[in-house]
Protein backbone atom coordinates (compact mmCIF):
# COMPACT_ATOMS: atom_id res chain seq x y z
CA UNK A 1 -18.44 13.34 -2.42
CA UNK A 2 -19.08 14.42 1.54
CA UNK A 3 -22.23 17.11 2.02
CA UNK A 4 -23.64 15.63 -1.28
CA UNK A 5 -27.34 15.08 -0.38
CA UNK A 6 -30.33 14.10 -2.26
CA UNK A 7 -34.31 14.72 -1.00
CA UNK A 8 -36.47 11.97 -2.85
CA UNK A 9 -40.08 12.40 -2.30
CA UNK A 10 -42.70 10.30 -2.06
CA UNK A 11 -41.15 7.43 -5.23
CA UNK A 12 -42.82 4.17 -5.44
CA UNK A 13 -41.64 1.45 -2.88
CA UNK A 14 -40.85 -0.60 -6.55
CA UNK A 15 -38.11 1.85 -8.09
CA UNK A 16 -36.69 2.75 -4.65
CA UNK A 17 -34.24 0.18 -3.79
CA UNK A 18 -32.51 0.49 -7.22
CA UNK A 19 -32.87 4.32 -7.23
CA UNK A 20 -30.96 4.71 -4.17
CA UNK A 21 -28.19 2.32 -4.83
CA UNK A 22 -27.31 4.06 -8.40
CA UNK A 23 -27.59 7.33 -6.21
CA UNK A 24 -25.38 6.27 -3.24
CA UNK A 25 -23.41 4.92 -5.76
CA UNK A 26 -22.55 8.29 -6.76
CA UNK A 27 -21.56 9.75 -3.74
CA UNK A 28 -25.11 11.32 -2.62
CA UNK A 29 -26.16 10.51 0.88
CA UNK A 30 -30.25 10.35 0.30
CA UNK A 31 -33.48 11.55 2.33
CA UNK A 32 -36.34 9.97 1.66
CA UNK A 33 -39.86 11.44 2.56
CA UNK A 34 -43.49 10.16 1.61
CA UNK A 35 -45.39 13.52 2.53
CA UNK A 36 -45.53 17.12 1.34
CA UNK A 37 -45.07 17.85 5.67
CA UNK A 38 -42.26 15.62 5.72
CA UNK A 39 -40.54 17.23 2.79
CA UNK A 40 -40.66 20.65 3.75
CA UNK A 41 -39.57 20.06 7.47
CA UNK A 42 -36.31 18.17 5.90
CA UNK A 43 -36.29 21.30 3.33
CA UNK A 44 -35.99 23.67 6.84
CA UNK A 45 -33.44 21.34 8.42
CA UNK A 46 -31.17 20.44 5.07
CA UNK A 47 -29.85 21.65 2.04
CA UNK A 48 -29.93 19.67 -0.81
CA UNK A 49 -27.90 18.87 -4.02
CA UNK A 50 -31.29 18.38 -6.32
CA UNK A 51 -34.96 16.87 -4.75
CA UNK A 52 -36.93 13.96 -6.40
CA UNK A 53 -40.20 14.02 -6.91
CA UNK A 54 -42.76 11.20 -8.04
CA UNK A 55 -45.51 13.64 -9.09
CA UNK A 56 -47.76 9.83 -9.11
CA UNK A 57 -47.75 8.83 -5.95
CA UNK A 58 -50.18 7.93 -4.08
CA UNK A 59 -50.75 10.24 -0.30
CA UNK A 60 -49.59 13.34 -1.84
CA UNK A 61 -52.15 15.88 -2.84
CA UNK A 62 -51.66 17.88 -6.26
CA UNK A 63 -52.70 20.82 -4.15
CA UNK A 64 -50.41 20.82 -0.64
CA UNK A 65 -47.65 19.28 -3.49
CA UNK A 66 -47.70 22.41 -5.57
CA UNK A 67 -47.39 24.57 -2.18
CA UNK A 68 -44.38 22.88 -1.08
CA UNK A 69 -42.79 22.94 -4.84
CA UNK A 70 -43.92 26.53 -4.38
CA UNK A 71 -42.21 27.10 -1.00
CA UNK A 72 -38.95 24.89 -1.60
CA UNK A 73 -36.77 27.90 -2.14
CA UNK A 74 -32.69 27.12 -2.71
CA UNK A 75 -32.34 24.91 -0.32
CA UNK A 76 -33.83 22.35 -2.62
CA UNK A 77 -31.61 22.53 -5.76
CA UNK A 78 -32.86 21.39 -8.85
CA UNK A 79 -36.17 19.79 -8.91
CA UNK A 80 -36.55 16.28 -11.14
CA UNK A 81 -39.90 15.22 -11.29
CA UNK A 82 -41.28 11.86 -12.45
CA UNK A 83 -44.69 11.60 -14.08
CA UNK A 84 -46.41 9.12 -15.36
CA UNK A 85 -49.84 11.24 -16.60
CA UNK A 86 -50.71 14.22 -18.57
CA UNK A 87 -52.64 15.36 -15.51
CA UNK A 88 -49.19 15.36 -13.58
CA UNK A 89 -47.71 16.79 -16.38
CA UNK A 90 -49.52 20.08 -15.94
CA UNK A 91 -47.51 20.80 -12.91
CA UNK A 92 -44.14 20.22 -14.26
CA UNK A 93 -43.33 23.40 -16.61
CA UNK A 94 -44.05 25.48 -13.13
CA UNK A 95 -42.81 23.48 -10.37
CA UNK A 96 -39.79 21.33 -12.20
CA UNK A 97 -36.35 21.94 -13.52
CA UNK A 98 -36.61 18.46 -15.42
CA UNK A 99 -39.35 15.31 -16.18
CA UNK A 100 -39.35 12.07 -16.68
CA UNK A 101 -41.43 9.68 -17.70
CA UNK A 102 -42.73 6.21 -16.33
CA UNK A 103 -41.14 3.54 -16.08
CA UNK A 104 -38.15 5.73 -14.47
CA UNK A 105 -35.12 4.66 -16.23
CA UNK A 106 -31.83 5.56 -14.11
CA UNK A 107 -29.55 6.02 -16.90
CA UNK A 108 -32.12 9.13 -17.92
CA UNK A 109 -31.78 10.15 -14.23
CA UNK A 110 -28.46 10.49 -14.24
CA UNK A 111 -28.32 12.48 -17.26
CA UNK A 112 -30.68 14.77 -15.68
CA UNK A 113 -28.51 14.53 -12.87
CA UNK A 114 -25.33 15.62 -15.20
CA UNK A 115 -26.84 17.93 -16.46
CA UNK A 116 -28.84 20.01 -13.79
CA UNK A 117 -26.45 19.29 -10.79
CA UNK A 118 -23.17 18.99 -11.69
CA UNK A 119 -22.43 21.87 -13.27
CA UNK A 120 -23.71 23.83 -10.60
CA UNK A 121 -21.42 21.94 -8.41
CA UNK A 122 -18.32 22.35 -10.66
CA UNK A 123 -18.39 25.96 -8.67
CA UNK A 124 -17.91 24.31 -5.35
CA UNK A 125 -14.65 22.50 -6.23
CA UNK A 126 -12.02 24.66 -4.71
CA UNK A 127 -8.55 25.02 -6.81
CA UNK A 128 -5.81 22.52 -6.54
CA UNK A 129 -3.85 22.34 -3.28
CA UNK A 130 -0.83 20.69 -1.54
CA UNK A 131 -1.07 17.03 -0.68
CA UNK A 132 -2.88 16.60 2.51
CA UNK A 133 -2.42 13.66 5.10
CA UNK A 134 -0.56 10.59 4.98
CA UNK A 135 -0.08 10.95 0.78
CA UNK A 136 1.17 14.02 1.54
CA UNK A 137 3.67 12.68 4.67
CA UNK A 138 4.77 9.93 2.16
CA UNK A 139 5.64 11.87 -0.72
CA UNK A 140 7.92 14.56 0.72
CA UNK A 141 9.86 11.35 2.07
CA UNK A 142 10.56 11.74 -1.62
CA UNK A 143 14.45 12.93 -1.60
CA UNK A 144 16.23 10.93 -4.56
CA UNK A 145 16.29 12.36 -7.84
CA UNK A 146 14.41 10.07 -9.27
CA UNK A 147 11.57 10.35 -7.25
CA UNK A 148 11.91 14.05 -7.03
CA UNK A 149 11.69 13.87 -10.73
CA UNK A 150 8.45 11.63 -9.83
CA UNK A 151 7.22 14.51 -7.94
CA UNK A 152 7.27 16.79 -10.63
CA UNK A 153 5.35 14.80 -13.27
CA UNK A 154 2.94 14.06 -10.97
CA UNK A 155 2.08 18.21 -10.21
CA UNK A 156 2.31 18.62 -14.17
CA UNK A 157 0.42 15.59 -14.65
CA UNK A 158 -2.91 16.76 -12.41
CA UNK A 159 -3.43 20.23 -13.92
CA UNK A 160 -4.25 18.13 -17.05
CA UNK A 161 -6.66 15.74 -17.25
CA UNK A 162 -4.74 12.62 -19.48
CA UNK A 163 -4.37 9.16 -18.80
CA UNK A 164 -1.12 8.75 -16.89
CA UNK A 165 0.89 4.71 -16.83
CA UNK A 166 2.53 4.02 -13.67
CA UNK A 167 5.18 1.69 -13.73
CA UNK A 168 7.65 0.08 -11.26
CA UNK A 169 8.52 -2.99 -9.47
CA UNK A 170 6.08 -4.45 -7.08
CA UNK A 171 5.82 -2.62 -3.70
CA UNK A 172 7.56 0.30 -5.03
CA UNK A 173 4.48 2.96 -4.47
CA UNK A 174 2.86 3.28 -7.69
CA UNK A 175 -0.64 3.33 -6.05
CA UNK A 176 0.55 6.24 -4.04
CA UNK A 177 1.59 7.84 -7.05
CA UNK A 178 -2.39 7.68 -8.40
CA UNK A 179 -3.58 8.83 -5.20
CA UNK A 180 -0.92 11.55 -5.24
CA UNK A 181 -2.46 12.78 -8.78
CA UNK A 182 -5.83 12.23 -7.97
CA UNK A 183 -5.53 14.32 -4.76
CA UNK A 184 -4.19 16.95 -6.54
CA UNK A 185 -6.62 17.33 -9.40
CA UNK A 186 -9.67 18.94 -9.71
CA UNK A 187 -11.33 15.44 -9.82
CA UNK A 188 -10.29 15.58 -5.58
CA UNK A 189 -13.93 16.52 -4.54
CA UNK A 190 -14.94 13.17 -6.45
CA UNK A 191 -14.44 9.51 -6.02
CA UNK A 192 -11.42 7.39 -6.35
CA UNK A 193 -12.06 4.05 -7.76
CA UNK A 194 -9.32 1.27 -7.34
CA UNK A 195 -9.78 -2.02 -9.54
CA UNK A 196 -7.19 -4.42 -9.36
CA UNK A 197 -7.56 -6.52 -12.74
CA UNK A 198 -5.33 -9.27 -11.91
CA UNK A 199 -6.95 -10.23 -8.71
CA UNK A 200 -10.17 -11.66 -10.36
CA UNK A 201 -10.98 -13.97 -13.80
CA UNK A 202 -12.13 -12.19 -16.79
CA UNK A 203 -15.94 -12.75 -16.76
CA UNK A 204 -16.28 -11.18 -12.78
CA UNK A 205 -13.75 -8.70 -13.58
CA UNK A 206 -16.31 -7.08 -16.77
CA UNK A 207 -19.34 -6.70 -14.33
CA UNK A 208 -16.82 -5.36 -11.80
CA UNK A 209 -15.79 -3.26 -14.22
CA UNK A 210 -18.95 -2.18 -16.12
CA UNK A 211 -21.97 -3.60 -14.29
CA UNK A 212 -24.59 -5.41 -15.17
CA UNK A 213 -29.10 -5.59 -15.63
CA UNK A 214 -31.04 -7.25 -13.79
CA UNK A 215 -31.50 -10.42 -15.54
CA UNK A 216 -28.26 -10.31 -17.83
CA UNK A 217 -27.04 -13.66 -16.61
CA UNK A 218 -28.26 -16.47 -14.15
CA UNK A 219 -27.91 -14.62 -10.53
CA UNK A 220 -28.49 -11.49 -11.72
CA UNK A 221 -31.18 -10.94 -9.47
CA UNK A 222 -30.54 -7.02 -9.34
CA UNK A 223 -28.84 -3.72 -11.42
CA UNK A 224 -25.09 -3.74 -10.55
CA UNK A 225 -23.51 -0.23 -10.90
CA UNK A 226 -20.14 -0.96 -12.29
CA UNK A 227 -16.60 1.04 -11.24
CA UNK A 228 -16.57 3.20 -13.84
CA UNK A 229 -20.06 4.48 -13.21
CA UNK A 230 -19.18 4.81 -9.53
CA UNK A 231 -15.86 6.30 -10.09
CA UNK A 232 -18.39 9.07 -12.20
CA UNK A 233 -16.83 12.53 -12.35
CA UNK A 234 -13.32 11.18 -10.24
CA UNK A 235 -10.63 8.92 -10.83
CA UNK A 236 -10.32 5.27 -11.93
CA UNK A 237 -7.41 3.17 -10.95
CA UNK A 238 -6.58 -0.10 -13.17
CA UNK A 239 -3.83 -1.65 -11.21
CA UNK A 240 -1.86 -4.56 -13.05
CA UNK A 241 -3.62 -3.50 -16.10
CA UNK A 242 -0.61 -5.58 -17.98
CA UNK A 243 -3.27 -9.07 -16.64
CA UNK A 244 -6.39 -7.45 -18.34
CA UNK A 245 -7.97 -9.80 -20.79
CA UNK A 246 -7.64 -8.64 -24.72
CA UNK A 247 -11.61 -8.24 -25.21
CA UNK A 248 -12.03 -6.22 -21.73
CA UNK A 249 -8.86 -4.25 -23.37
CA UNK A 250 -10.83 -3.64 -26.35
CA UNK A 251 -13.69 -2.08 -23.87
CA UNK A 252 -11.16 -0.05 -21.99
CA UNK A 253 -10.31 1.53 -25.40
CA UNK A 254 -13.65 2.48 -25.98
CA UNK A 255 -14.33 4.21 -23.19
CA UNK A 256 -11.02 5.87 -23.29
CA UNK A 257 -12.06 7.11 -27.22
CA UNK A 258 -15.86 8.31 -26.49
CA UNK A 259 -16.40 8.13 -22.67
CA UNK A 260 -19.32 5.44 -23.56
CA UNK A 261 -19.85 1.68 -22.33
CA UNK A 262 -22.85 -0.81 -21.85
CA UNK A 263 -23.69 -3.10 -19.34
CA UNK A 264 -23.28 -6.32 -19.32
CA UNK A 265 -26.77 -7.27 -20.79
CA UNK A 266 -27.92 -3.61 -21.35
CA UNK A 267 -29.53 -2.32 -25.04
CA UNK A 268 -28.18 1.57 -24.36
CA UNK A 269 -24.50 2.85 -23.61
CA UNK A 270 -23.49 5.17 -20.46
CA UNK A 271 -22.12 8.02 -20.83
CA UNK A 272 -19.04 8.69 -18.16
CA UNK A 273 -16.72 11.77 -17.27
CA UNK A 274 -13.86 9.83 -15.62
CA UNK A 275 -10.19 9.92 -15.25
CA UNK A 276 -7.94 6.76 -16.23
CA UNK A 277 -4.80 6.25 -14.36
CA UNK A 278 -2.99 2.38 -14.95
CA UNK A 279 -0.14 0.98 -13.37
CA UNK A 280 1.96 -2.27 -14.17
CA UNK A 281 4.80 -4.20 -13.24
CA UNK A 282 5.17 -5.54 -16.59
CA UNK A 283 6.87 -4.48 -19.54
CA UNK A 284 4.03 -3.64 -21.83
CA UNK A 285 5.89 -2.54 -24.98
CA UNK A 286 7.69 -6.55 -24.96
CA UNK A 287 3.18 -7.35 -24.08
CA UNK A 288 2.31 -5.58 -26.95
CA UNK A 289 5.44 -7.22 -28.96
CA UNK A 290 3.97 -10.44 -27.60
CA UNK A 291 -0.26 -9.68 -28.70
CA UNK A 292 -0.64 -9.35 -25.50
CA UNK A 293 -1.47 -6.27 -25.10
CA UNK A 294 -3.19 -4.24 -27.81
CA UNK A 295 -0.81 -2.01 -29.38
CA UNK A 296 -3.42 1.44 -29.83
CA UNK A 297 -4.53 0.86 -25.70
CA UNK A 298 -0.92 0.80 -24.83
CA UNK A 299 -0.23 4.16 -26.58
CA UNK A 300 -4.31 5.55 -25.14
CA UNK A 301 -2.92 4.80 -21.63
CA UNK A 302 0.77 6.38 -22.23
CA UNK A 303 0.10 9.55 -22.56
CA UNK A 304 2.61 10.21 -19.01
CA UNK A 305 4.27 7.92 -18.19
CA UNK A 306 5.41 7.95 -14.15
CA UNK A 307 8.64 5.35 -13.78
CA UNK A 308 8.45 4.43 -9.57
CA UNK A 309 12.55 3.10 -9.11
CA UNK A 310 12.58 -0.06 -6.72
CA UNK A 311 13.40 1.27 -3.36
CA UNK A 312 17.37 -0.40 -3.74
CA UNK A 313 17.44 2.75 -6.19
CA UNK A 314 16.50 4.91 -3.06
CA UNK A 315 18.87 4.40 -0.27
CA UNK A 316 18.64 7.85 1.22
CA UNK A 317 14.84 7.67 1.76
CA UNK A 318 15.22 4.32 4.01
CA UNK A 319 15.62 5.59 7.58
CA UNK A 320 13.02 8.16 6.33
CA UNK A 321 10.40 5.65 5.51
CA UNK A 322 11.61 3.27 8.17
CA UNK A 323 10.88 6.12 10.68
CA UNK A 324 7.65 7.25 9.17
CA UNK A 325 6.25 3.81 9.27
CA UNK A 326 7.35 3.51 13.52
CA UNK A 327 5.83 6.67 13.89
CA UNK A 328 2.14 5.69 11.92
CA UNK A 329 2.20 1.92 13.53
CA UNK A 330 3.84 2.42 16.97
CA UNK A 331 0.86 4.61 17.47
CA UNK A 332 -1.48 2.35 16.09
CA UNK A 333 -0.32 -0.92 17.85
CA UNK A 334 0.17 0.97 21.49
CA UNK A 335 3.76 1.08 21.41
CA UNK A 336 4.75 4.33 22.30
CA UNK A 337 8.36 5.10 22.71
CA UNK A 338 9.58 2.54 19.74
CA UNK A 339 12.65 3.05 18.23
CA UNK A 340 14.61 1.32 15.73
CA UNK A 341 18.83 1.15 16.69
CA UNK A 342 21.23 2.64 14.49
CA UNK A 343 22.59 -0.28 14.34
CA UNK A 344 19.59 -2.08 12.77
CA UNK A 345 18.70 0.89 10.27
CA UNK A 346 22.11 0.65 8.97
CA UNK A 347 21.23 -3.57 8.21
CA UNK A 348 17.71 -1.92 6.70
CA UNK A 349 19.88 0.68 4.57
CA UNK A 350 22.29 -2.61 3.37
CA UNK A 351 18.98 -4.74 2.98
CA UNK A 352 18.05 -5.07 -0.92
CA UNK A 353 14.35 -5.48 -0.54
CA UNK A 354 12.85 -7.36 -3.73
CA UNK A 355 9.20 -5.89 -2.13
CA UNK A 356 10.17 -2.37 -2.08
CA UNK A 357 8.73 0.08 0.26
CA UNK A 358 5.95 -2.50 1.09
CA UNK A 359 8.30 -5.01 2.29
CA UNK A 360 9.63 -2.43 4.61
CA UNK A 361 6.44 -1.41 5.57
CA UNK A 362 5.55 -4.60 7.03
CA UNK A 363 9.04 -5.46 8.38
CA UNK A 364 8.82 -2.63 10.55
CA UNK A 365 5.28 -3.71 11.43
CA UNK A 366 6.56 -7.14 12.22
CA UNK A 367 9.16 -5.13 14.75
CA UNK A 368 6.85 -3.13 16.25
CA UNK A 369 3.82 -5.71 17.01
CA UNK A 370 6.74 -8.40 18.55
CA UNK A 371 8.34 -5.29 19.97
CA UNK A 372 11.75 -6.44 18.51
CA UNK A 373 13.50 -2.91 17.80
CA UNK A 374 16.78 -5.60 17.39
CA UNK A 375 14.98 -7.92 15.48
CA UNK A 376 16.40 -10.98 16.94
CA UNK A 377 13.51 -13.10 16.00
CA UNK A 378 12.63 -11.18 12.36
CA UNK A 379 15.22 -13.27 9.69
CA UNK A 380 16.65 -10.34 7.79
CA UNK A 381 19.02 -11.46 4.32
CA UNK A 382 22.02 -10.00 4.95
CA UNK A 383 23.47 -6.85 2.65
CA UNK A 384 23.41 -8.00 -1.26
CA UNK A 385 21.26 -11.02 -1.01
CA UNK A 386 17.62 -11.11 -2.04
CA UNK A 387 14.61 -12.92 -0.85
CA UNK A 388 15.17 -16.10 -3.44
CA UNK A 389 18.70 -16.20 -2.37
CA UNK A 390 17.93 -16.04 1.57
CA UNK A 391 15.52 -19.06 0.74
CA UNK A 392 18.42 -21.05 -0.98
CA UNK A 393 20.45 -20.39 2.16
CA UNK A 394 17.96 -22.55 4.16
CA UNK A 395 19.30 -25.15 6.12
CA UNK A 396 19.45 -28.13 3.27
CA UNK A 397 17.04 -31.43 3.35
CA UNK A 398 19.68 -33.41 4.86
CA UNK A 399 20.35 -31.75 7.87
CA UNK A 400 20.54 -33.37 10.94
CA UNK A 401 18.28 -31.27 12.86
CA UNK A 402 15.22 -31.91 10.17
CA UNK A 403 12.40 -34.84 10.20
CA UNK A 404 11.74 -36.71 8.17
CA UNK A 405 8.68 -35.21 7.68
CA UNK A 406 9.76 -32.11 7.55
CA UNK A 407 12.28 -32.92 4.69
CA UNK A 408 9.55 -33.97 2.49
CA UNK A 409 7.50 -31.07 3.17
CA UNK A 410 10.55 -28.97 2.09
CA UNK A 411 11.24 -30.97 -1.26
CA UNK A 412 7.08 -30.70 -1.98
CA UNK A 413 7.43 -27.23 -1.38
CA UNK A 414 10.39 -26.25 -3.94
CA UNK A 415 8.99 -29.00 -6.32
CA UNK A 416 5.62 -26.55 -6.50
CA UNK A 417 7.38 -23.69 -6.37
CA UNK A 418 9.55 -24.66 -9.45
CA UNK A 419 6.58 -25.82 -11.41
CA UNK A 420 4.57 -22.52 -10.61
CA UNK A 421 7.43 -20.09 -11.53
CA UNK A 422 7.61 -22.58 -15.26
CA UNK A 423 4.28 -22.05 -15.71
CA UNK A 424 4.23 -18.32 -14.91
CA UNK A 425 7.17 -17.46 -17.39
CA UNK A 426 5.20 -19.30 -19.65
CA UNK A 427 2.07 -17.40 -19.73
CA UNK A 428 4.01 -13.99 -19.31
CA UNK A 429 2.54 -13.84 -15.62
CA UNK A 430 -1.07 -14.22 -16.53
CA UNK A 431 -2.38 -15.89 -13.29
CA UNK A 432 -5.53 -16.58 -14.74
CA UNK A 433 -4.25 -19.04 -17.56
CA UNK A 434 -1.46 -20.40 -14.60
CA UNK A 435 -4.48 -21.11 -12.71
CA UNK A 436 -5.82 -23.27 -15.50
CA UNK A 437 -2.73 -24.80 -16.77
CA UNK A 438 -2.34 -25.85 -12.98
CA UNK A 439 -5.88 -27.23 -12.78
CA UNK A 440 -6.26 -25.30 -9.27
CA UNK A 441 -8.43 -22.47 -8.38
CA UNK A 442 -7.61 -18.86 -9.26
CA UNK A 443 -7.46 -18.31 -5.69
CA UNK A 444 -5.40 -21.12 -4.67
CA UNK A 445 -2.83 -19.96 -6.76
CA UNK A 446 -2.77 -16.22 -5.59
CA UNK A 447 -1.95 -17.69 -1.92
CA UNK A 448 0.97 -20.38 -3.52
CA UNK A 449 2.32 -17.32 -5.00
CA UNK A 450 2.35 -14.99 -2.02
CA UNK A 451 3.37 -18.16 0.12
CA UNK A 452 6.26 -19.23 -2.26
CA UNK A 453 7.38 -15.61 -2.29
CA UNK A 454 6.79 -14.89 -6.37
CA UNK A 455 5.05 -12.12 -5.80
CA UNK A 456 7.52 -9.85 -4.58
CA UNK A 457 9.87 -10.08 -8.06
CA UNK A 458 9.66 -11.56 -11.07
CA UNK A 459 13.53 -12.69 -10.99
CA UNK A 460 12.26 -15.04 -8.08
CA UNK A 461 10.08 -17.03 -10.82
CA UNK A 462 13.18 -17.21 -12.78
CA UNK A 463 15.45 -18.25 -9.94
CA UNK A 464 12.84 -21.06 -9.31
CA UNK A 465 13.38 -22.20 -13.05
CA UNK A 466 16.93 -22.30 -13.13
CA UNK A 467 16.97 -24.34 -9.50
């Protein structure tokens, strides 16, 4: 929300921390002043979306304050006053557009801002324009029939404020689709907030999504604004939605239905205006049938569906994406003049990419960083082989060039990989339950999944089970 500013005039120090946290989480730049003179100076040097005035603060005379407000002109935007006595309220009908009583309620303040400021701001939001920056560059490379179809759905979905479910394999570009929808929509002037639903346990994820009140639990020393509040008027992108706990699915459904939720420990509800985009690499219909995902939530999310095909089904895009990543990272890593030889490009086009576009991007990064355009130091499985088959083709533990220590390390890794793969399959790829079953921390599990090459494609887990 670049360019949105709030002028905060003489708010008591005990209120300022929570107040400024709220305003900044909503994208406002805050100018805090302690006197009418400072306020007048601020108003002559800048424009503000609204002005918040504490009428009961010490150090500001009523006459001087009244004169400051009278001369404020259009630079201050609407004036929201905070009053704690009848004497102060005598100023309110003349000088303020809204008045809030102390103790100041952040929820009431937000409602006042929404009522006075947001409607006026809507007229400042330009009509949707073509994508810009890296989003436009990368989406312009989509030339396969399925991706051209996806681009058309993005344009149409951006015009209508509905939920969108993006599905596809890991690394195929689901987040890019979500960002493109936001960038084409009327909400693009407001925040795009991403939440990875698989990156943290349920308890932490709930506080991350919905925030909490001070004192809600041990360690809650101050109010925390959740991601839904931070995304107000914008878009929230729920990645890995298939891993969302059933209890949080119910709370998310309530937000979708009513636009309301409660912070942890709160007695009242909050209203937000947020567009929800969700993505998953899971089969949600199967998850619904197995009772792991709510059927009503699935249909709420799946109003518009965008399927992102794997890169192996978009072969004609591989050289375009490869050259795009070369251009992007050669400049970043100061490897000017770096190019991919034709013979290497042919090898790149034959590769199956279980990690999809993300795998290609990381491969190009390594080539550039190592200055290895002929891939002499970068292994790439031959055509028709996946990462799992490449792992299977490594030298066997009985090879003469392996030490006993190396043989033990590889055997341990193979056993660990098989155990993790089996447990992931048994839990339906619920990583929280898998960590509990294996009696390791959630973070340790994520590291081991990545290390074992199981995160790129679930088929690798099944290969590990079959041995």
